[in-house]
N, C-alpha and C. Protein backbone atom coordinates (compact mmCIF):
# COMPACT_ATOMS: atom_id res chain seq x y z
N MET A 1 -8.47 214.97 14.89
CA MET A 1 -9.61 215.19 14.04
C MET A 1 -9.45 216.51 13.31
N THR A 2 -9.88 216.53 12.08
CA THR A 2 -9.78 217.76 11.30
C THR A 2 -11.12 218.47 11.26
N LEU A 3 -11.07 219.72 10.84
CA LEU A 3 -12.28 220.54 10.79
C LEU A 3 -13.36 219.88 9.93
N ARG A 4 -12.95 219.23 8.84
CA ARG A 4 -13.94 218.62 7.95
C ARG A 4 -14.71 217.48 8.61
N GLU A 5 -14.14 216.90 9.66
CA GLU A 5 -14.83 215.83 10.39
C GLU A 5 -15.76 216.38 11.47
N LEU A 6 -15.65 217.67 11.76
CA LEU A 6 -16.41 218.27 12.85
C LEU A 6 -17.60 219.11 12.41
N VAL A 7 -17.47 219.76 11.26
CA VAL A 7 -18.52 220.68 10.82
C VAL A 7 -18.82 220.45 9.34
N PRO A 8 -20.01 220.88 8.90
CA PRO A 8 -20.33 220.80 7.47
C PRO A 8 -19.39 221.71 6.67
N ILE A 9 -19.27 221.43 5.39
CA ILE A 9 -18.34 222.17 4.54
C ILE A 9 -18.63 223.66 4.50
N ASP A 10 -19.92 224.05 4.52
CA ASP A 10 -20.22 225.48 4.47
C ASP A 10 -19.74 226.20 5.72
N VAL A 11 -19.84 225.54 6.86
CA VAL A 11 -19.36 226.13 8.12
C VAL A 11 -17.84 226.23 8.09
N ALA A 12 -17.18 225.17 7.63
CA ALA A 12 -15.71 225.19 7.54
C ALA A 12 -15.24 226.31 6.63
N LYS A 13 -15.91 226.48 5.50
CA LYS A 13 -15.55 227.56 4.57
C LYS A 13 -15.74 228.93 5.23
N GLN A 14 -16.88 229.11 5.87
CA GLN A 14 -17.16 230.41 6.51
C GLN A 14 -16.11 230.72 7.57
N LEU A 15 -15.82 229.77 8.43
CA LEU A 15 -14.83 230.00 9.49
C LEU A 15 -13.46 230.29 8.92
N THR A 16 -13.08 229.55 7.90
CA THR A 16 -11.76 229.71 7.30
C THR A 16 -11.63 231.03 6.54
N MET A 17 -12.66 231.36 5.78
CA MET A 17 -12.56 232.56 4.93
C MET A 17 -12.79 233.87 5.67
N THR A 18 -13.47 233.80 6.81
CA THR A 18 -13.73 235.05 7.56
C THR A 18 -12.77 235.24 8.72
N GLY A 19 -12.16 234.17 9.21
CA GLY A 19 -11.30 234.29 10.39
C GLY A 19 -12.07 234.73 11.61
N GLU A 20 -13.37 234.42 11.63
CA GLU A 20 -14.25 234.85 12.73
C GLU A 20 -13.73 234.38 14.08
N LEU A 21 -13.76 235.29 15.04
CA LEU A 21 -13.45 234.95 16.42
C LEU A 21 -14.76 234.71 17.15
N PHE A 22 -14.79 233.70 18.03
CA PHE A 22 -16.02 233.41 18.75
C PHE A 22 -15.70 232.82 20.11
N ASP A 23 -16.69 232.84 20.98
CA ASP A 23 -16.48 232.36 22.35
C ASP A 23 -16.71 230.85 22.44
N GLY A 24 -16.51 230.35 23.63
CA GLY A 24 -16.65 228.92 23.88
C GLY A 24 -18.04 228.39 23.63
N HIS A 25 -19.06 229.19 23.90
CA HIS A 25 -20.44 228.74 23.69
C HIS A 25 -20.72 228.51 22.20
N LYS A 26 -20.22 229.41 21.36
CA LYS A 26 -20.39 229.20 19.92
C LYS A 26 -19.56 228.00 19.47
N ALA A 27 -18.35 227.86 20.01
CA ALA A 27 -17.52 226.70 19.67
C ALA A 27 -18.25 225.40 20.02
N LYS A 28 -18.95 225.39 21.15
CA LYS A 28 -19.74 224.23 21.56
C LYS A 28 -20.87 223.98 20.58
N SER A 29 -21.56 225.05 20.16
CA SER A 29 -22.68 224.88 19.23
C SER A 29 -22.21 224.38 17.86
N LEU A 30 -20.94 224.61 17.53
CA LEU A 30 -20.36 224.13 16.27
C LEU A 30 -19.70 222.76 16.41
N ASN A 31 -19.78 222.18 17.61
CA ASN A 31 -19.14 220.88 17.90
C ASN A 31 -17.62 220.93 17.82
N LEU A 32 -17.04 222.09 18.09
CA LEU A 32 -15.59 222.22 18.07
C LEU A 32 -14.97 221.94 19.44
N VAL A 33 -15.78 221.99 20.48
CA VAL A 33 -15.34 221.65 21.84
C VAL A 33 -16.38 220.75 22.48
N THR A 34 -15.96 219.99 23.47
CA THR A 34 -16.86 219.06 24.15
C THR A 34 -17.78 219.78 25.12
N GLY A 35 -17.27 220.81 25.78
CA GLY A 35 -18.08 221.52 26.74
C GLY A 35 -17.47 222.85 27.11
N VAL A 36 -18.27 223.67 27.76
CA VAL A 36 -17.83 224.98 28.25
C VAL A 36 -18.09 224.98 29.75
N MET A 37 -17.04 225.21 30.54
CA MET A 37 -17.15 225.15 31.99
C MET A 37 -16.79 226.48 32.63
N ASP A 38 -17.42 226.77 33.76
CA ASP A 38 -17.07 227.98 34.51
C ASP A 38 -15.67 227.84 35.11
N ASP A 39 -15.32 226.62 35.52
CA ASP A 39 -14.01 226.35 36.11
C ASP A 39 -13.38 225.19 35.34
N PRO A 40 -12.72 225.48 34.22
CA PRO A 40 -12.18 224.42 33.38
C PRO A 40 -11.17 223.52 34.09
N LEU A 41 -10.36 224.09 34.97
CA LEU A 41 -9.37 223.28 35.67
C LEU A 41 -10.05 222.26 36.57
N ALA A 42 -11.06 222.69 37.32
CA ALA A 42 -11.78 221.76 38.20
C ALA A 42 -12.48 220.69 37.37
N ALA A 43 -13.05 221.07 36.25
CA ALA A 43 -13.72 220.10 35.38
C ALA A 43 -12.71 219.09 34.82
N ALA A 44 -11.55 219.57 34.41
CA ALA A 44 -10.51 218.68 33.89
C ALA A 44 -10.01 217.73 34.96
N GLU A 45 -9.83 218.24 36.17
CA GLU A 45 -9.37 217.38 37.27
C GLU A 45 -10.42 216.33 37.63
N ALA A 46 -11.70 216.71 37.60
CA ALA A 46 -12.77 215.76 37.89
C ALA A 46 -12.83 214.68 36.81
N LEU A 47 -12.67 215.06 35.55
CA LEU A 47 -12.66 214.10 34.46
C LEU A 47 -11.46 213.16 34.60
N ALA A 48 -10.30 213.72 34.91
CA ALA A 48 -9.10 212.89 35.09
C ALA A 48 -9.29 211.89 36.23
N ALA A 49 -9.94 212.32 37.30
CA ALA A 49 -10.19 211.42 38.43
C ALA A 49 -11.14 210.29 38.02
N GLN A 50 -12.15 210.61 37.23
CA GLN A 50 -13.07 209.57 36.75
C GLN A 50 -12.33 208.54 35.91
N ILE A 51 -11.50 209.02 35.00
CA ILE A 51 -10.77 208.11 34.12
C ILE A 51 -9.76 207.29 34.91
N LYS A 52 -9.09 207.93 35.87
CA LYS A 52 -8.08 207.25 36.69
C LYS A 52 -8.69 206.11 37.50
N ALA A 53 -9.96 206.22 37.86
CA ALA A 53 -10.63 205.19 38.65
C ALA A 53 -10.95 203.94 37.82
N ARG A 54 -10.85 204.05 36.51
CA ARG A 54 -11.14 202.93 35.63
C ARG A 54 -9.88 202.11 35.39
N SER A 55 -10.05 200.90 34.93
CA SER A 55 -8.90 200.06 34.60
C SER A 55 -8.09 200.73 33.49
N PRO A 56 -6.78 200.87 33.68
CA PRO A 56 -5.98 201.47 32.62
C PRO A 56 -6.02 200.64 31.33
N ASP A 57 -6.22 199.33 31.47
CA ASP A 57 -6.33 198.47 30.28
C ASP A 57 -7.62 198.77 29.52
N ALA A 58 -8.71 198.98 30.25
CA ALA A 58 -10.00 199.29 29.62
C ALA A 58 -9.96 200.67 28.96
N VAL A 59 -9.35 201.63 29.63
CA VAL A 59 -9.26 202.98 29.06
C VAL A 59 -8.41 202.96 27.79
N ALA A 60 -7.27 202.30 27.85
CA ALA A 60 -6.39 202.21 26.67
C ALA A 60 -7.09 201.45 25.55
N GLY A 61 -7.81 200.39 25.90
CA GLY A 61 -8.53 199.61 24.90
C GLY A 61 -9.61 200.43 24.22
N ALA A 62 -10.35 201.20 25.00
CA ALA A 62 -11.41 202.04 24.42
C ALA A 62 -10.81 203.09 23.50
N LYS A 63 -9.72 203.71 23.94
CA LYS A 63 -9.06 204.72 23.11
C LYS A 63 -8.59 204.10 21.80
N SER A 64 -7.96 202.94 21.90
CA SER A 64 -7.47 202.24 20.73
C SER A 64 -8.62 201.85 19.80
N LEU A 65 -9.71 201.38 20.38
CA LEU A 65 -10.87 200.99 19.59
C LEU A 65 -11.38 202.15 18.76
N PHE A 66 -11.56 203.31 19.39
CA PHE A 66 -12.05 204.46 18.65
C PHE A 66 -11.06 204.90 17.57
N GLN A 67 -9.77 204.95 17.92
CA GLN A 67 -8.76 205.39 16.96
C GLN A 67 -8.71 204.47 15.74
N LYS A 68 -8.81 203.17 15.97
CA LYS A 68 -8.63 202.20 14.88
C LYS A 68 -9.90 201.92 14.09
N THR A 69 -11.07 202.23 14.66
CA THR A 69 -12.30 201.82 13.99
C THR A 69 -13.24 202.94 13.60
N TRP A 70 -12.92 204.17 13.94
CA TRP A 70 -13.86 205.28 13.73
C TRP A 70 -14.36 205.34 12.28
N THR A 71 -13.48 205.09 11.33
CA THR A 71 -13.88 205.14 9.92
C THR A 71 -13.77 203.78 9.24
N ALA A 72 -13.52 202.74 10.01
CA ALA A 72 -13.37 201.39 9.44
C ALA A 72 -14.73 200.81 9.08
N GLY A 73 -14.71 199.84 8.22
CA GLY A 73 -15.92 199.11 7.89
C GLY A 73 -16.36 198.25 9.07
N GLU A 74 -17.60 197.79 9.01
CA GLU A 74 -18.17 197.03 10.12
C GLU A 74 -17.38 195.77 10.44
N ARG A 75 -17.03 194.99 9.46
CA ARG A 75 -16.32 193.73 9.68
C ARG A 75 -14.96 193.97 10.33
N ARG A 76 -14.24 194.95 9.82
CA ARG A 76 -12.92 195.28 10.39
C ARG A 76 -13.07 195.81 11.82
N ALA A 77 -14.06 196.66 12.03
CA ALA A 77 -14.29 197.23 13.36
C ALA A 77 -14.59 196.13 14.38
N PHE A 78 -15.45 195.18 14.01
CA PHE A 78 -15.78 194.09 14.94
C PHE A 78 -14.58 193.20 15.21
N ALA A 79 -13.76 192.96 14.21
CA ALA A 79 -12.55 192.14 14.41
C ALA A 79 -11.60 192.82 15.38
N ILE A 80 -11.40 194.11 15.21
CA ILE A 80 -10.52 194.87 16.10
C ILE A 80 -11.10 194.89 17.50
N GLU A 81 -12.40 195.13 17.62
CA GLU A 81 -13.05 195.15 18.93
C GLU A 81 -12.91 193.81 19.64
N THR A 82 -13.11 192.72 18.92
CA THR A 82 -12.98 191.38 19.51
C THR A 82 -11.57 191.16 20.05
N ARG A 83 -10.57 191.52 19.26
CA ARG A 83 -9.18 191.35 19.70
C ARG A 83 -8.88 192.17 20.94
N LEU A 84 -9.34 193.42 20.95
CA LEU A 84 -9.10 194.29 22.11
C LEU A 84 -9.83 193.79 23.35
N GLN A 85 -11.05 193.28 23.16
CA GLN A 85 -11.79 192.76 24.31
C GLN A 85 -11.10 191.55 24.91
N TRP A 86 -10.64 190.63 24.07
CA TRP A 86 -9.94 189.45 24.61
C TRP A 86 -8.69 189.86 25.38
N ARG A 87 -7.97 190.82 24.83
CA ARG A 87 -6.76 191.30 25.52
C ARG A 87 -7.13 191.84 26.90
N MET A 88 -8.22 192.61 26.95
CA MET A 88 -8.64 193.19 28.22
C MET A 88 -9.14 192.10 29.19
N PHE A 89 -9.97 191.18 28.69
CA PHE A 89 -10.53 190.12 29.55
C PHE A 89 -9.45 189.24 30.17
N LEU A 90 -8.34 189.10 29.48
CA LEU A 90 -7.26 188.25 29.97
C LEU A 90 -6.20 189.01 30.77
N SER A 91 -6.44 190.29 31.02
CA SER A 91 -5.44 191.12 31.68
C SER A 91 -5.46 190.95 33.20
N ARG A 92 -4.34 191.31 33.81
CA ARG A 92 -4.23 191.30 35.27
C ARG A 92 -5.24 192.26 35.89
N ASN A 93 -5.43 193.42 35.26
CA ASN A 93 -6.34 194.40 35.83
C ASN A 93 -7.80 193.95 35.79
N GLN A 94 -8.15 193.11 34.82
CA GLN A 94 -9.51 192.56 34.79
C GLN A 94 -9.72 191.65 36.01
N ARG A 95 -8.73 190.84 36.32
CA ARG A 95 -8.83 189.97 37.50
C ARG A 95 -8.93 190.81 38.78
N ILE A 96 -8.17 191.89 38.84
CA ILE A 96 -8.22 192.80 39.99
C ILE A 96 -9.61 193.41 40.11
N ALA A 97 -10.19 193.84 38.98
CA ALA A 97 -11.52 194.46 38.99
C ALA A 97 -12.58 193.49 39.46
N VAL A 98 -12.53 192.26 38.98
CA VAL A 98 -13.53 191.25 39.37
C VAL A 98 -13.41 190.95 40.86
N LYS A 99 -12.18 190.75 41.32
CA LYS A 99 -11.94 190.44 42.73
C LYS A 99 -12.43 191.58 43.63
N ALA A 100 -12.13 192.82 43.26
CA ALA A 100 -12.55 193.99 44.05
C ALA A 100 -14.08 194.11 44.04
N ASN A 101 -14.69 193.85 42.91
CA ASN A 101 -16.14 193.93 42.81
C ASN A 101 -16.80 192.89 43.72
N LEU A 102 -16.28 191.69 43.72
CA LEU A 102 -16.83 190.65 44.59
C LEU A 102 -16.67 191.00 46.07
N ALA A 103 -15.58 191.68 46.39
CA ALA A 103 -15.31 192.08 47.78
C ALA A 103 -15.97 193.43 48.11
N LYS A 104 -16.67 194.00 47.13
CA LYS A 104 -17.33 195.31 47.31
C LYS A 104 -16.32 196.39 47.72
N GLN A 105 -15.15 196.36 47.06
CA GLN A 105 -14.08 197.32 47.32
C GLN A 105 -13.70 198.03 46.02
N ALA A 106 -13.05 199.15 46.16
CA ALA A 106 -12.51 199.85 44.98
C ALA A 106 -11.27 199.10 44.50
N PRO A 107 -11.14 198.87 43.21
CA PRO A 107 -9.96 198.17 42.72
C PRO A 107 -8.71 199.04 42.79
N GLU A 108 -7.60 198.41 42.99
CA GLU A 108 -6.30 199.09 42.95
C GLU A 108 -5.55 198.53 41.75
N PHE A 109 -5.70 199.22 40.62
CA PHE A 109 -5.17 198.73 39.36
C PHE A 109 -3.65 198.85 39.29
N LEU A 110 -3.05 197.94 38.55
CA LEU A 110 -1.62 197.98 38.24
C LEU A 110 -1.43 198.88 37.01
N PRO A 111 -0.25 199.45 36.85
CA PRO A 111 0.00 200.24 35.65
C PRO A 111 -0.18 199.36 34.41
N ARG A 112 -0.64 199.95 33.36
CA ARG A 112 -0.85 199.21 32.10
C ARG A 112 0.49 198.82 31.52
N ARG A 113 0.57 197.58 31.05
CA ARG A 113 1.76 197.14 30.35
C ARG A 113 1.72 197.69 28.94
N VAL A 114 2.82 198.27 28.51
CA VAL A 114 2.87 198.83 27.16
C VAL A 114 3.40 197.76 26.24
N ASP A 115 2.67 197.53 25.13
CA ASP A 115 3.10 196.52 24.16
C ASP A 115 4.37 196.97 23.47
N GLY A 116 5.30 196.06 23.31
CA GLY A 116 6.57 196.37 22.68
C GLY A 116 6.45 196.38 21.24
């Protein structure tokens, strides 16, 4: 993402032309960072653990969906979303997730297959 997608033009101009230095809290208020943590490493590890617990197919699909549709038109975005959803619904990890859910167990996902 570029600066123009994160802040209004007047803010981008001010930051660029002044070279202003600022702390994480101001960066957060400008939407330049997602959050400010007292222990960034612990926060990053907790986030990684949350993501790791999800189906790798679902995580990759969500990432792909955002990358491919963020600025796309509605019709194109829905077509891409439909294709990605079908791919996920038909995946081995989806079957693992359903089976684990029925058994009230945590799923043990397989590594995501990378498309050639």
